[in-house]
Amino acid sequence: MSGATSKPRPNRPIADTAELAGRMHAVLEQANKLQPVRVGATPRECVYREGSLSLYRYGKRPETGRPPVVIVYSLVNRPYILDLNERRSFIRALVDSGRAVYLVDWGYPEPADRFLGLEDYVNGLLRRSVRHVRSVENRADVDLLGVCQGGTLALCYASLHPSEIGRLITLVTPVDFHSRRDVLHHLTAGIDVDTAVDTLGNLSSELLNTFFVSLKPYRLLSQRYVAMASLADNTSALTEFLQMERWMYDSPDQAGEAFREFAKYFYQNNGLVRGNLDFGCGEIDLNRIRSPILNVYATEDHLVPSAAATALSKFVDRSLYNSIAFEGGHLGVFVSGKAQRTLYPRITEWLDNPSRQRACRRSSKTGD
């Protein structure tokens, strides 16, 4: 009959809930059969070890004569997100471009490592790793690629040892830790870091995971797992989901002294911007960097706001500075199809064209 409306279905929410429960049961059974998921797709070899640190070389040494790239990852997470699987691998893109790729894997700190400070990491472990690469590759310098917190450490290294760095790439790297939208700064501003470290020693991964999940609790604790139900019977997508789950919760503890110093020197005192940073191996002055710089940042990054990353342009020689704005979030830089299609080719193109590195001074965007 014209104008008639359907009768309400009071039991529909119950039916929808039952259907969702059925899909979740099915996808969890499939997920259990896929465990343990494998991560890492590109062949690699450990070429240097020291304490918890491992230095890996990926792929065969190329004959192209291109400078090697040394990747400095964050202390907070595991670096295999850069080589998650065959379809999503930044490291594979670098290797396929015809260059030797080395990764500094900080490993899992032991209880005795609570006394390692930033000087030990930057001017000790990292410098000896770079020296090893320079030696085996027979080169005076290397290209350095820093990721997130690792990018901040790479900037410090390039300031202290500018002659050892040919080109420098910073990927979603914080520089101004007091930018307006920097949630991590506001959350750490009132923390008594000294008491935390003096009491706990190393900071546990469980504590830090809880902290980071709290930044997006609905997305990471509810929405994510409801969406998981749609992955039933899609083995490829479910495997990638489980790989990301493994990465998210496979976090190392943080060496107490290094955590103390990074929280105080950077998040609380904003030392890179204020220009008063010295953690024992010399004053850090970004203007001392003499390498062409490519600064890659994400426009929708909730961990490293774009303003925190683009501040780098104010403290280095602008004739050396280049940037790419990636239209996406923090993790999208590493695992999204968009990054595979558009961002990684831009990065390798920049490495392959030295003549463009000094000429290009404006920011360019990478999107769909």
Foldseek 3Di string as FASTA:
>chain_A
DPPDDDDDDVCVVVVVVVVLVVLLVLLVVVLVVCPPFDFFAFDWDFDDDDAQKTKIKTDDAFPPPFFEEEEFEDQWFFPSLCGGHPLFHLVVLVVVLGHIYMYITNGFDDLVLLPDALCCVQVNVVVVSLVVSCVVVVHQAHAYEYEACRLVSVLQNCQLCQRRHAAYEYALYFQQLVPPLAPVLVVLQPDPLVVVCVVPFWAASVVVLVVVCVLPVCVPPPVLSSVSSVCRPVSVVSSSSSSVVCRSSVTHTGNSNHVSCCSCCPSHVSCSVVQQDDPDSDGRQSQSRPHQYEYEHECAENNRHPVRRVCSCVRYDLLRYEYEYEHDYSSCCRGNPQNVVWVSVVVSVCSVDVVVRRVHRDYYYGYD
